């Protein structure tokens, strides 16, 4: 309970959806709509600290991680133990698998299932924003009491990925569901949604 006390004092919006459902795009529209009404808004993902760690470990930029996470082809990794190419170890995987396995299988068993929520808590405590939007709500343990929850539905989102980060919230009761079939959401759609959201809260 103490962990979430500071979170409860902040207006949080947790956005969820399958990969390629349009979470980041919808979040940007939502933030824009709130800002246009005079609210201060910050966008902060649970995965941001993890991406920063991966950026350092693998020597790739945050921009590259953001681009590669939605690319289906393999992502090359080169690790060296010295400055010589002779000691380089090369292998390839895909960036989404790196993120999934590092976040769920490397960090959580060591630092606890709530490691990313605790880091979010530290961030929220130092924020003075009217709203903080979290665009990557994927696990039940990340549900923060009294936060608003939004699910982005899209018929173009891939459903073959059965990693726990993609399916754990399939039966979760979201406060709001936004239909982004055929990527139909627009700024006007989100403006209308924000009107409903503000009236309800």
Protein backbone atom coordinates (compact mmCIF):
# COMPACT_ATOMS: atom_id res chain seq x y z
CA UNK A 1 0.00 0.00 0.00
CA UNK A 2 2.79 2.42 0.88
CA UNK A 3 4.32 1.81 -2.53
CA UNK A 4 1.27 3.17 -4.29
CA UNK A 5 0.41 6.06 -1.94
CA UNK A 6 2.17 8.71 -4.01
CA UNK A 7 0.83 7.23 -7.25
CA UNK A 8 -2.72 7.65 -6.02
CA UNK A 9 -2.20 11.40 -5.69
CA UNK A 10 -1.40 11.80 -9.38
CA UNK A 11 -3.80 11.60 -12.33
CA UNK A 12 -2.47 8.61 -14.20
CA UNK A 13 -3.68 7.12 -17.46
CA UNK A 14 -2.50 3.59 -18.19
CA UNK A 15 -2.70 2.70 -21.88
CA UNK A 16 -2.68 -0.93 -23.00
CA UNK A 17 -2.92 -2.82 -26.27
CA UNK A 18 -1.38 -5.52 -28.42
CA UNK A 19 1.84 -4.71 -30.25
CA UNK A 20 1.21 -2.53 -33.30
CA UNK A 21 -2.25 -1.61 -32.02
CA UNK A 22 -1.32 2.08 -31.97
CA UNK A 23 -0.57 2.68 -28.29
CA UNK A 24 2.18 5.25 -28.85
CA UNK A 25 0.23 7.05 -31.57
CA UNK A 26 -2.95 7.16 -29.46
CA UNK A 27 -0.96 8.34 -26.47
CA UNK A 28 0.50 11.23 -28.48
CA UNK A 29 -3.01 12.27 -29.59
CA UNK A 30 -4.32 11.96 -26.04
CA UNK A 31 -1.46 14.05 -24.65
CA UNK A 32 -2.01 16.66 -27.35
CA UNK A 33 -5.69 16.91 -26.55
CA UNK A 34 -5.07 17.37 -22.83
CA UNK A 35 -2.35 19.97 -23.47
CA UNK A 36 -4.67 21.90 -25.79
CA UNK A 37 -7.01 22.29 -22.81
CA UNK A 38 -4.27 23.75 -20.65
CA UNK A 39 -3.19 20.67 -18.73
CA UNK A 40 0.45 19.77 -18.20
CA UNK A 41 1.13 16.26 -19.45
CA UNK A 42 4.09 13.91 -19.21
CA UNK A 43 4.44 10.61 -21.07
CA UNK A 44 6.47 8.04 -19.17
CA UNK A 45 6.64 4.34 -19.98
CA UNK A 46 7.30 1.50 -17.55
CA UNK A 47 9.89 0.25 -20.05
CA UNK A 48 11.90 3.48 -20.26
CA UNK A 49 14.48 2.52 -17.59
CA UNK A 50 14.81 -0.91 -19.19
CA UNK A 51 15.45 0.61 -22.62
CA UNK A 52 18.11 2.86 -21.12
CA UNK A 53 19.85 -0.18 -19.63
CA UNK A 54 19.65 -2.12 -22.90
CA UNK A 55 20.96 0.91 -24.77
CA UNK A 56 24.09 0.90 -22.62
CA UNK A 57 24.57 -2.89 -22.59
CA UNK A 58 24.25 -3.36 -26.35
CA UNK A 59 25.59 0.01 -27.43
CA UNK A 60 22.50 1.03 -29.40
CA UNK A 61 20.65 4.34 -29.29
CA UNK A 62 17.21 4.72 -27.75
CA UNK A 63 15.97 5.79 -31.18
CA UNK A 64 17.24 2.55 -32.69
CA UNK A 65 15.48 0.54 -29.98
CA UNK A 66 12.19 2.34 -30.67
CA UNK A 67 12.48 1.69 -34.40
CA UNK A 68 13.72 -1.90 -34.15
CA UNK A 69 11.11 -3.06 -31.61
CA UNK A 70 8.44 -3.04 -34.31
CA UNK A 71 10.57 -4.55 -37.04
CA UNK A 72 10.06 -8.27 -37.70
CA UNK A 73 13.57 -8.92 -39.01
CA UNK A 74 16.49 -9.98 -36.84
CA UNK A 75 18.49 -7.38 -34.97
CA UNK A 76 22.27 -7.92 -35.02
CA UNK A 77 24.14 -7.81 -31.72
CA UNK A 78 27.92 -7.51 -31.54
CA UNK A 79 29.60 -7.87 -28.16
CA UNK A 80 33.32 -7.41 -27.67
CA UNK A 81 35.59 -8.11 -24.73
CA UNK A 82 38.27 -5.77 -26.03
CA UNK A 83 38.83 -3.26 -28.80
CA UNK A 84 39.78 -5.96 -31.28
CA UNK A 85 37.32 -7.42 -33.76
CA UNK A 86 38.87 -10.84 -33.18
CA UNK A 87 37.19 -11.03 -29.78
CA UNK A 88 33.80 -9.97 -31.04
CA UNK A 89 30.81 -12.26 -30.48
CA UNK A 90 28.03 -11.87 -33.01
CA UNK A 91 24.48 -13.14 -32.82
CA UNK A 92 21.05 -11.93 -33.84
CA UNK A 93 17.56 -11.94 -32.44
CA UNK A 94 14.82 -9.32 -32.64
CA UNK A 95 14.56 -6.22 -30.48
CA UNK A 96 11.10 -7.02 -29.13
CA UNK A 97 12.36 -10.37 -27.84
CA UNK A 98 15.29 -8.62 -26.18
CA UNK A 99 12.90 -6.22 -24.44
CA UNK A 100 10.47 -8.98 -23.43
CA UNK A 101 13.10 -11.33 -22.06
CA UNK A 102 15.18 -8.67 -20.34
CA UNK A 103 12.18 -7.02 -18.69
CA UNK A 104 10.37 -10.18 -17.57
CA UNK A 105 12.99 -12.90 -17.32
CA UNK A 106 16.20 -11.10 -16.38
CA UNK A 107 15.17 -8.22 -14.13
CA UNK A 108 12.00 -9.41 -12.38
CA UNK A 109 13.36 -12.67 -10.88
CA UNK A 110 16.22 -10.70 -9.30
CA UNK A 111 14.61 -7.36 -8.38
CA UNK A 112 10.96 -8.38 -7.98
CA UNK A 113 7.92 -8.45 -10.25
CA UNK A 114 7.14 -4.86 -9.31
CA UNK A 115 10.59 -3.47 -10.20
CA UNK A 116 9.28 -1.26 -13.03
CA UNK A 117 6.33 -0.06 -10.93
CA UNK A 118 8.70 0.98 -8.14
CA UNK A 119 10.80 2.96 -10.60
CA UNK A 120 7.61 4.59 -11.91
CA UNK A 121 6.70 5.48 -8.34
CA UNK A 122 9.97 7.36 -7.94
CA UNK A 123 9.28 9.26 -11.13
CA UNK A 124 5.73 10.19 -10.15
CA UNK A 125 6.85 11.46 -6.75
CA UNK A 126 9.06 14.04 -8.44
CA UNK A 127 6.49 15.09 -11.07
CA UNK A 128 4.22 18.12 -10.89
CA UNK A 129 2.29 17.30 -14.07
CA UNK A 130 -1.50 17.34 -14.13
CA UNK A 131 -1.49 14.03 -16.03
CA UNK A 132 1.05 11.29 -16.56
CA UNK A 133 0.26 8.91 -19.41
CA UNK A 134 1.87 5.47 -19.34
CA UNK A 135 1.68 3.97 -22.85
CA UNK A 136 2.84 0.43 -22.04
CA UNK A 137 0.55 -1.08 -19.39
CA UNK A 138 1.08 -4.84 -19.91
CA UNK A 139 0.95 -6.68 -16.57
CA UNK A 140 -1.59 -7.01 -13.75
CA UNK A 141 1.06 -5.97 -11.22
CA UNK A 142 1.38 -2.67 -13.08
CA UNK A 143 -2.25 -1.78 -12.40
CA UNK A 144 -2.18 1.25 -10.14
CA UNK A 145 -5.26 1.82 -7.98
CA UNK A 146 -7.40 4.77 -9.11
CA UNK A 147 -5.48 5.23 -12.35
CA UNK A 148 -7.61 5.42 -15.47
CA UNK A 149 -7.09 2.44 -17.77
CA UNK A 150 -7.49 2.55 -21.54
CA UNK A 151 -7.32 -0.37 -23.98
CA UNK A 152 -6.49 0.25 -27.64
CA UNK A 153 -8.15 -2.35 -29.88
CA UNK A 154 -6.99 -2.81 -33.46
CA UNK A 155 -7.75 -5.49 -36.02
CA UNK A 156 -4.30 -4.98 -37.55
CA UNK A 157 -2.45 -5.83 -34.35
CA UNK A 158 -0.63 -9.15 -34.39
CA UNK A 159 -2.08 -11.80 -32.08
CA UNK A 160 0.35 -14.69 -32.63
CA UNK A 161 2.75 -13.52 -29.91
CA UNK A 162 1.89 -15.49 -26.75
CA UNK A 163 4.50 -13.89 -24.51
CA UNK A 164 2.97 -13.03 -21.12
CA UNK A 165 3.48 -9.32 -21.83
CA UNK A 166 1.06 -9.63 -24.75
CA UNK A 167 -1.70 -11.75 -23.19
CA UNK A 168 -1.81 -11.14 -19.43
CA UNK A 169 -4.35 -8.33 -19.70
CA UNK A 170 -6.63 -10.05 -22.23
CA UNK A 171 -9.38 -10.44 -19.61
CA UNK A 172 -8.71 -7.23 -17.68
CA UNK A 173 -11.70 -4.92 -17.15
CA UNK A 174 -10.52 -1.62 -18.64
CA UNK A 175 -12.25 1.66 -17.83
CA UNK A 176 -12.28 2.62 -21.52
CA UNK A 177 -11.77 0.80 -24.81
CA UNK A 178 -10.85 2.78 -27.92
CA UNK A 179 -11.44 1.18 -31.31
CA UNK A 180 -8.45 1.73 -33.58
CA UNK A 181 -9.46 -0.76 -36.27
CA UNK A 182 -7.71 0.05 -39.54
CA UNK A 183 -5.88 2.75 -37.55
CA UNK A 184 -8.96 4.95 -37.61
CA UNK A 185 -8.31 6.99 -34.48
CA UNK A 186 -7.79 10.70 -35.17
CA UNK A 187 -7.15 13.80 -33.11
CA UNK A 188 -10.89 14.51 -33.19
CA UNK A 189 -11.57 11.00 -31.87
CA UNK A 190 -9.24 11.58 -28.94
CA UNK A 191 -10.63 15.07 -28.32
CA UNK A 192 -14.08 13.52 -27.97
CA UNK A 193 -12.69 10.84 -25.67
CA UNK A 194 -10.96 13.42 -23.46
CA UNK A 195 -14.26 15.26 -23.04
CA UNK A 196 -15.84 12.04 -21.75
CA UNK A 197 -12.83 11.24 -19.59
CA UNK A 198 -12.73 14.64 -17.90
CA UNK A 199 -16.47 14.63 -17.25
CA UNK A 200 -16.19 11.20 -15.62
CA UNK A 201 -13.25 12.14 -13.43
